[in-house]
Amino acid sequence: MPLKLRIITPERVVFDEEKIDSVTLPGVLGEMTILPQHAPIMTELRPGPVLFRRAGEEVDLALSGGFMEVRDDTVIVLADTAERSDEIDLSRAEEARRKAQEELTDRQGTVDIARAMAALERAQARLRVVDRRRRRPGGAPRPTANQ
């Protein structure tokens, strides 16, 4: 029996589909893959890419972190933000990474290191998802407003 996957943010249901073969997520202790008939689990997720497979197709999302529950072949992800790979603005993600790295390097004034690290992790997750999409056949990134 395949998995059902639901990815939900406060603003929208990002993904809700059945017939998913596997889901790979960024757990706080490392990357984990969920397959059908997985034991029930509830865990915290860190920012990173989510990859799921359905009928031989791979789909990527960038996740800001959150929580996951697996029960009865259903995977539910609750996240602050989740973006499909085709929704990510490459130049904006690169700028966010640059700014976060700059804040961490300079550390002038009252830099909130935890906030800057979280921003860096989110930007890096977006960039990894875009990079995966680029490497797939026919997976060129969408043009941004600046291109």
N, C-alpha and C. Protein backbone atom coordinates (compact mmCIF):
# COMPACT_ATOMS: atom_id res chain seq x y z
N MET A 1 0.85 -1.19 0.00
CA MET A 1 0.00 0.00 0.00
C MET A 1 0.89 1.25 0.00
N PRO A 2 0.68 2.18 -0.90
CA PRO A 2 1.50 3.41 -0.94
C PRO A 2 1.16 4.36 0.21
N LEU A 3 1.98 5.37 0.34
CA LEU A 3 1.80 6.38 1.38
C LEU A 3 0.85 7.49 0.92
N LYS A 4 0.25 8.15 1.90
CA LYS A 4 -0.45 9.40 1.67
C LYS A 4 0.42 10.48 2.29
N LEU A 5 0.66 11.59 1.56
CA LEU A 5 1.51 12.66 2.04
C LEU A 5 0.74 13.97 2.08
N ARG A 6 0.79 14.62 3.24
CA ARG A 6 0.19 15.95 3.40
C ARG A 6 1.26 16.88 3.97
N ILE A 7 1.50 17.99 3.26
CA ILE A 7 2.44 19.01 3.74
C ILE A 7 1.63 20.29 3.90
N ILE A 8 1.60 20.79 5.13
CA ILE A 8 0.70 21.90 5.48
C ILE A 8 1.49 23.02 6.15
N THR A 9 1.22 24.26 5.73
CA THR A 9 1.77 25.45 6.38
C THR A 9 0.59 26.25 6.92
N PRO A 10 0.83 27.28 7.71
CA PRO A 10 -0.29 28.11 8.18
C PRO A 10 -1.07 28.76 7.04
N GLU A 11 -0.42 29.01 5.90
CA GLU A 11 -1.08 29.69 4.79
C GLU A 11 -1.83 28.78 3.84
N ARG A 12 -1.36 27.50 3.71
CA ARG A 12 -1.96 26.66 2.67
C ARG A 12 -1.57 25.20 2.84
N VAL A 13 -2.28 24.37 2.11
CA VAL A 13 -1.90 22.97 1.97
C VAL A 13 -0.99 22.92 0.75
N VAL A 14 0.29 22.66 0.98
CA VAL A 14 1.28 22.68 -0.10
C VAL A 14 1.17 21.42 -0.94
N PHE A 15 0.89 20.30 -0.29
CA PHE A 15 0.81 19.04 -1.01
C PHE A 15 -0.12 18.11 -0.25
N ASP A 16 -0.99 17.41 -0.98
CA ASP A 16 -1.91 16.45 -0.38
C ASP A 16 -2.22 15.40 -1.45
N GLU A 17 -1.53 14.27 -1.36
CA GLU A 17 -1.69 13.27 -2.41
C GLU A 17 -1.45 11.87 -1.87
N GLU A 18 -2.10 10.92 -2.48
CA GLU A 18 -1.90 9.52 -2.17
C GLU A 18 -0.98 8.91 -3.23
N LYS A 19 -0.67 7.66 -3.07
CA LYS A 19 0.17 6.91 -4.02
C LYS A 19 1.60 7.42 -4.07
N ILE A 20 2.15 7.74 -2.91
CA ILE A 20 3.54 8.16 -2.79
C ILE A 20 4.36 6.92 -2.41
N ASP A 21 5.47 6.72 -3.13
CA ASP A 21 6.31 5.54 -2.88
C ASP A 21 7.24 5.72 -1.68
N SER A 22 7.81 6.91 -1.52
CA SER A 22 8.71 7.18 -0.39
C SER A 22 8.82 8.68 -0.18
N VAL A 23 9.19 9.06 1.04
CA VAL A 23 9.40 10.47 1.40
C VAL A 23 10.70 10.55 2.19
N THR A 24 11.61 11.43 1.75
CA THR A 24 12.87 11.65 2.47
C THR A 24 12.83 13.06 3.04
N LEU A 25 13.05 13.15 4.36
CA LEU A 25 12.91 14.42 5.08
C LEU A 25 14.14 14.71 5.94
N PRO A 26 14.35 16.00 6.27
CA PRO A 26 15.48 16.39 7.11
C PRO A 26 15.12 16.35 8.60
N GLY A 27 15.33 15.22 9.23
CA GLY A 27 15.07 15.10 10.66
C GLY A 27 16.13 15.81 11.47
N VAL A 28 15.85 16.12 12.72
CA VAL A 28 16.82 16.83 13.54
C VAL A 28 18.05 15.98 13.83
N LEU A 29 17.93 14.66 13.73
CA LEU A 29 19.08 13.78 13.95
C LEU A 29 19.68 13.29 12.63
N GLY A 30 19.17 13.79 11.51
CA GLY A 30 19.67 13.38 10.20
C GLY A 30 18.54 13.10 9.25
N GLU A 31 18.91 12.88 8.00
CA GLU A 31 17.92 12.62 6.96
C GLU A 31 17.26 11.27 7.20
N MET A 32 15.96 11.19 6.96
CA MET A 32 15.23 9.94 7.14
C MET A 32 14.31 9.71 5.95
N THR A 33 14.14 8.44 5.60
CA THR A 33 13.24 8.07 4.51
C THR A 33 12.10 7.24 5.08
N ILE A 34 10.90 7.61 4.71
CA ILE A 34 9.70 6.92 5.15
C ILE A 34 9.18 6.09 3.98
N LEU A 35 8.94 4.81 4.22
CA LEU A 35 8.40 3.90 3.22
C LEU A 35 7.05 3.38 3.72
N PRO A 36 6.24 2.80 2.84
CA PRO A 36 4.98 2.21 3.30
C PRO A 36 5.21 1.22 4.44
N GLN A 37 4.26 1.15 5.32
CA GLN A 37 4.24 0.28 6.51
C GLN A 37 5.29 0.70 7.55
N HIS A 38 5.68 1.98 7.52
CA HIS A 38 6.62 2.49 8.52
C HIS A 38 5.94 2.49 9.89
N ALA A 39 6.71 2.25 10.91
CA ALA A 39 6.20 2.31 12.28
C ALA A 39 5.75 3.74 12.59
N PRO A 40 4.75 3.89 13.45
CA PRO A 40 4.33 5.24 13.84
C PRO A 40 5.51 6.01 14.45
N ILE A 41 5.58 7.28 14.09
CA ILE A 41 6.66 8.13 14.59
C ILE A 41 6.19 9.58 14.56
N MET A 42 6.69 10.36 15.51
CA MET A 42 6.48 11.80 15.50
C MET A 42 7.83 12.41 15.82
N THR A 43 8.26 13.38 15.00
CA THR A 43 9.57 13.96 15.20
C THR A 43 9.63 15.39 14.70
N GLU A 44 10.62 16.09 15.18
CA GLU A 44 10.88 17.46 14.72
C GLU A 44 11.72 17.41 13.45
N LEU A 45 11.48 18.36 12.55
CA LEU A 45 12.23 18.46 11.30
C LEU A 45 13.05 19.74 11.32
N ARG A 46 14.21 19.71 10.70
CA ARG A 46 15.04 20.90 10.56
C ARG A 46 14.86 21.46 9.15
N PRO A 47 15.32 22.66 8.89
CA PRO A 47 15.25 23.18 7.53
C PRO A 47 16.05 22.29 6.58
N GLY A 48 15.49 22.06 5.41
CA GLY A 48 16.19 21.23 4.43
C GLY A 48 15.26 20.80 3.31
N PRO A 49 15.81 20.04 2.37
CA PRO A 49 15.00 19.57 1.26
C PRO A 49 14.16 18.35 1.64
N VAL A 50 12.98 18.27 1.05
CA VAL A 50 12.12 17.10 1.14
C VAL A 50 12.05 16.53 -0.27
N LEU A 51 12.24 15.23 -0.38
CA LEU A 51 12.17 14.56 -1.67
C LEU A 51 11.16 13.44 -1.55
N PHE A 52 10.19 13.41 -2.45
CA PHE A 52 9.31 12.26 -2.46
C PHE A 52 9.19 11.72 -3.87
N ARG A 53 8.91 10.42 -3.90
CA ARG A 53 8.82 9.70 -5.17
C ARG A 53 7.40 9.17 -5.35
N ARG A 54 6.93 9.31 -6.58
CA ARG A 54 5.63 8.75 -6.94
C ARG A 54 5.70 8.30 -8.40
N ALA A 55 5.37 7.06 -8.63
CA ALA A 55 5.36 6.49 -9.98
C ALA A 55 6.64 6.80 -10.76
N GLY A 56 7.80 6.67 -10.11
CA GLY A 56 9.07 6.91 -10.78
C GLY A 56 9.48 8.36 -10.91
N GLU A 57 8.62 9.29 -10.52
CA GLU A 57 8.92 10.72 -10.61
C GLU A 57 9.40 11.21 -9.24
N GLU A 58 10.40 12.09 -9.25
CA GLU A 58 10.89 12.70 -8.01
C GLU A 58 10.41 14.14 -7.92
N VAL A 59 9.93 14.53 -6.75
CA VAL A 59 9.45 15.89 -6.51
C VAL A 59 10.19 16.43 -5.29
N ASP A 60 10.69 17.67 -5.42
CA ASP A 60 11.45 18.31 -4.34
C ASP A 60 10.69 19.50 -3.76
N LEU A 61 10.86 19.70 -2.46
CA LEU A 61 10.35 20.88 -1.78
C LEU A 61 11.43 21.36 -0.82
N ALA A 62 11.42 22.65 -0.52
CA ALA A 62 12.29 23.21 0.52
C ALA A 62 11.42 23.44 1.75
N LEU A 63 11.88 22.94 2.87
CA LEU A 63 11.12 22.99 4.11
C LEU A 63 11.87 23.88 5.11
N SER A 64 11.12 24.70 5.85
CA SER A 64 11.74 25.57 6.84
C SER A 64 11.96 24.88 8.17
N GLY A 65 11.57 23.64 8.27
CA GLY A 65 11.59 22.93 9.54
C GLY A 65 10.15 22.70 9.95
N GLY A 66 9.94 22.04 11.06
CA GLY A 66 8.58 21.80 11.51
C GLY A 66 8.49 20.46 12.22
N PHE A 67 7.35 19.77 12.01
CA PHE A 67 7.10 18.50 12.67
C PHE A 67 6.51 17.53 11.67
N MET A 68 6.77 16.22 11.91
CA MET A 68 6.23 15.18 11.06
C MET A 68 5.61 14.09 11.93
N GLU A 69 4.50 13.58 11.44
CA GLU A 69 3.87 12.43 12.07
C GLU A 69 3.65 11.38 11.00
N VAL A 70 3.97 10.13 11.32
CA VAL A 70 3.69 9.00 10.44
C VAL A 70 2.79 8.05 11.21
N ARG A 71 1.66 7.70 10.59
CA ARG A 71 0.72 6.78 11.21
C ARG A 71 -0.17 6.21 10.12
N ASP A 72 -0.35 4.91 10.10
CA ASP A 72 -1.25 4.24 9.15
C ASP A 72 -0.96 4.63 7.70
N ASP A 73 0.31 4.56 7.29
CA ASP A 73 0.73 4.90 5.93
C ASP A 73 0.37 6.32 5.52
N THR A 74 0.25 7.22 6.49
CA THR A 74 0.02 8.63 6.22
C THR A 74 1.15 9.44 6.85
N VAL A 75 1.76 10.31 6.04
CA VAL A 75 2.82 11.19 6.51
C VAL A 75 2.26 12.61 6.51
N ILE A 76 2.23 13.23 7.68
CA ILE A 76 1.74 14.60 7.80
C ILE A 76 2.92 15.46 8.24
N VAL A 77 3.18 16.52 7.47
CA VAL A 77 4.26 17.46 7.78
C VAL A 77 3.61 18.81 8.05
N LEU A 78 3.90 19.37 9.21
CA LEU A 78 3.45 20.71 9.58
C LEU A 78 4.69 21.60 9.61
N ALA A 79 4.69 22.65 8.80
CA ALA A 79 5.87 23.50 8.68
C ALA A 79 5.47 24.96 8.63
N ASP A 80 6.39 25.84 9.03
CA ASP A 80 6.15 27.27 8.90
C ASP A 80 6.07 27.64 7.43
N THR A 81 7.02 27.12 6.63
CA THR A 81 6.99 27.34 5.18
C THR A 81 7.44 26.08 4.47
N ALA A 82 6.93 25.88 3.28
CA ALA A 82 7.34 24.80 2.39
C ALA A 82 7.12 25.30 0.97
N GLU A 83 8.15 25.16 0.14
CA GLU A 83 8.07 25.66 -1.23
C GLU A 83 8.42 24.55 -2.21
N ARG A 84 7.58 24.41 -3.23
CA ARG A 84 7.90 23.49 -4.31
C ARG A 84 9.09 24.05 -5.07
N SER A 85 9.86 23.18 -5.70
CA SER A 85 11.09 23.63 -6.37
C SER A 85 10.80 24.68 -7.44
N ASP A 86 9.66 24.59 -8.11
CA ASP A 86 9.36 25.57 -9.16
C ASP A 86 8.85 26.91 -8.61
N GLU A 87 8.66 27.00 -7.30
CA GLU A 87 8.23 28.24 -6.66
C GLU A 87 9.41 29.06 -6.13
N ILE A 88 10.59 28.47 -6.12
CA ILE A 88 11.75 29.12 -5.50
C ILE A 88 12.39 30.11 -6.47
N ASP A 89 12.58 31.32 -6.01
CA ASP A 89 13.26 32.36 -6.77
C ASP A 89 14.75 32.23 -6.45
N LEU A 90 15.52 31.78 -7.43
CA LEU A 90 16.94 31.50 -7.24
C LEU A 90 17.71 32.72 -6.76
N SER A 91 17.52 33.86 -7.40
CA SER A 91 18.29 35.05 -7.01
C SER A 91 17.94 35.49 -5.59
N ARG A 92 16.70 35.36 -5.22
CA ARG A 92 16.28 35.73 -3.86
C ARG A 92 16.89 34.78 -2.82
N ALA A 93 16.93 33.49 -3.14
CA ALA A 93 17.54 32.51 -2.22
C ALA A 93 19.03 32.75 -2.08
N GLU A 94 19.71 33.06 -3.18
CA GLU A 94 21.15 33.36 -3.11
C GLU A 94 21.41 34.61 -2.29
N GLU A 95 20.58 35.63 -2.46
CA GLU A 95 20.73 36.87 -1.69
C GLU A 95 20.49 36.62 -0.20
N ALA A 96 19.51 35.80 0.13
CA ALA A 96 19.24 35.48 1.54
C ALA A 96 20.42 34.73 2.15
N ARG A 97 21.02 33.81 1.40
CA ARG A 97 22.19 33.09 1.91
C ARG A 97 23.36 34.06 2.13
N ARG A 98 23.61 34.93 1.15
CA ARG A 98 24.70 35.89 1.25
C ARG A 98 24.53 36.79 2.47
N LYS A 99 23.31 37.28 2.67
CA LYS A 99 23.03 38.18 3.79
C LYS A 99 23.22 37.47 5.13
N ALA A 100 22.74 36.23 5.24
CA ALA A 100 22.90 35.48 6.49
C ALA A 100 24.37 35.18 6.76
N GLN A 101 25.12 34.80 5.74
CA GLN A 101 26.55 34.54 5.92
C GLN A 101 27.29 35.81 6.35
N GLU A 102 26.90 36.92 5.75
CA GLU A 102 27.51 38.21 6.09
C GLU A 102 27.25 38.57 7.55
N GLU A 103 26.00 38.37 8.00
CA GLU A 103 25.67 38.66 9.41
C GLU A 103 26.49 37.80 10.35
N LEU A 104 26.68 36.54 10.00
CA LEU A 104 27.44 35.63 10.87
C LEU A 104 28.93 35.95 10.86
N THR A 105 29.43 36.40 9.73
CA THR A 105 30.86 36.72 9.62
C THR A 105 31.19 38.04 10.31
N ASP A 106 30.38 39.07 10.07
CA ASP A 106 30.65 40.40 10.60
C ASP A 106 30.35 40.51 12.09
N ARG A 107 29.23 39.97 12.52
CA ARG A 107 28.80 40.00 13.93
C ARG A 107 28.93 41.38 14.56
N GLN A 108 28.50 42.39 13.81
CA GLN A 108 28.53 43.75 14.34
C GLN A 108 27.21 44.05 15.03
N GLY A 109 27.28 44.80 16.09
CA GLY A 109 26.06 45.19 16.80
C GLY A 109 25.46 44.01 17.53
N THR A 110 24.17 43.94 17.49
CA THR A 110 23.46 42.90 18.22
C THR A 110 22.91 41.86 17.25
N VAL A 111 23.79 41.16 16.58
CA VAL A 111 23.38 40.11 15.64
C VAL A 111 22.81 38.94 16.43
N ASP A 112 21.63 38.53 16.07
CA ASP A 112 21.00 37.36 16.67
C ASP A 112 21.53 36.14 15.92
N ILE A 113 22.50 35.46 16.51
CA ILE A 113 23.18 34.35 15.83
C ILE A 113 22.20 33.22 15.50
N ALA A 114 21.31 32.89 16.41
CA ALA A 114 20.35 31.81 16.15
C ALA A 114 19.45 32.16 14.96
N ARG A 115 19.01 33.42 14.88
CA ARG A 115 18.16 33.85 13.76
C ARG A 115 18.93 33.82 12.45
N ALA A 116 20.18 34.29 12.49
CA ALA A 116 21.00 34.29 11.28
C ALA A 116 21.30 32.86 10.81
N MET A 117 21.57 31.95 11.75
CA MET A 117 21.82 30.55 11.39
C MET A 117 20.56 29.91 10.78
N ALA A 118 19.40 30.21 11.35
CA ALA A 118 18.15 29.68 10.81
C ALA A 118 17.90 30.20 9.40
N ALA A 119 18.18 31.50 9.19
CA ALA A 119 18.01 32.08 7.85
C ALA A 119 18.97 31.43 6.86
N LEU A 120 20.19 31.17 7.29
CA LEU A 120 21.18 30.51 6.43
C LEU A 120 20.72 29.10 6.07
N GLU A 121 20.22 28.34 7.04
CA GLU A 121 19.74 26.98 6.77
C GLU A 121 18.57 26.99 5.80
N ARG A 122 17.64 27.92 5.95
CA ARG A 122 16.50 28.00 5.03
C ARG A 122 16.96 28.32 3.61
N ALA A 123 17.88 29.27 3.48
CA ALA A 123 18.38 29.64 2.15
C ALA A 123 19.13 28.48 1.52
N GLN A 124 19.95 27.78 2.30
CA GLN A 124 20.68 26.64 1.76
C GLN A 124 19.73 25.52 1.33
N ALA A 125 18.64 25.32 2.07
CA ALA A 125 17.66 24.30 1.68
C ALA A 125 17.05 24.65 0.33
N ARG A 126 16.69 25.91 0.15
CA ARG A 126 16.11 26.34 -1.13
C ARG A 126 17.10 26.12 -2.28
N LEU A 127 18.36 26.47 -2.04
CA LEU A 127 19.36 26.33 -3.09
C LEU A 127 19.63 24.87 -3.42
N ARG A 128 19.61 23.97 -2.42
CA ARG A 128 19.79 22.53 -2.70
C ARG A 128 18.64 21.99 -3.53
N VAL A 129 17.42 22.45 -3.25
CA VAL A 129 16.26 22.00 -4.02
C VAL A 129 16.35 22.48 -5.46
N VAL A 130 16.75 23.73 -5.66
CA VAL A 130 16.92 24.26 -7.03
C VAL A 130 18.01 23.48 -7.76
N ASP A 131 19.11 23.18 -7.06
CA ASP A 131 20.21 22.44 -7.68
C ASP A 131 19.76 21.04 -8.10
N ARG A 132 19.00 20.37 -7.26
CA ARG A 132 18.48 19.04 -7.64
C ARG A 132 17.62 19.13 -8.89
N ARG A 133 16.77 20.14 -8.94
CA ARG A 133 15.89 20.31 -10.10
C ARG A 133 16.71 20.55 -11.37
N ARG A 134 17.77 21.33 -11.25
CA ARG A 134 18.63 21.62 -12.41
C ARG A 134 19.28 20.36 -12.97
N ARG A 135 19.67 19.44 -12.07
CA ARG A 135 20.39 18.24 -12.50
C ARG A 135 19.50 17.19 -13.15
N ARG A 136 18.20 17.33 -13.00
CA ARG A 136 17.28 16.37 -13.63
C ARG A 136 17.09 16.72 -15.10
N PRO A 137 16.87 15.72 -15.95
CA PRO A 137 16.58 16.02 -17.36
C PRO A 137 15.37 16.95 -17.47
N GLY A 138 15.52 18.01 -18.24
CA GLY A 138 14.43 18.97 -18.43
C GLY A 138 14.10 19.78 -17.20
N GLY A 139 15.05 19.88 -16.26
CA GLY A 139 14.77 20.54 -14.99
C GLY A 139 15.35 21.91 -14.83
N ALA A 140 15.45 22.69 -15.88
CA ALA A 140 16.02 24.03 -15.76
C ALA A 140 15.16 24.88 -14.84
N PRO A 141 15.78 25.77 -14.06
CA PRO A 141 15.01 26.62 -13.14
C PRO A 141 14.18 27.64 -13.92
N ARG A 142 13.10 28.06 -13.28
CA ARG A 142 12.24 29.06 -13.91
C ARG A 142 12.95 30.41 -13.86
N PRO A 143 12.72 31.26 -14.85
CA PRO A 143 13.34 32.59 -14.82
C PRO A 143 12.78 33.40 -13.67
N THR A 144 13.61 34.27 -13.11
CA THR A 144 13.14 35.17 -12.06
C THR A 144 12.82 36.52 -12.68
N ALA A 145 12.27 37.40 -11.89
CA ALA A 145 11.88 38.73 -12.38
C ALA A 145 13.10 39.51 -12.86
N ASN A 146 14.29 39.21 -12.31
CA ASN A 146 15.50 39.94 -12.66
C ASN A 146 16.18 39.43 -13.93
N GLN A 147 15.73 38.32 -14.46
CA GLN A 147 16.41 37.73 -15.62
C GLN A 147 15.76 38.13 -16.90
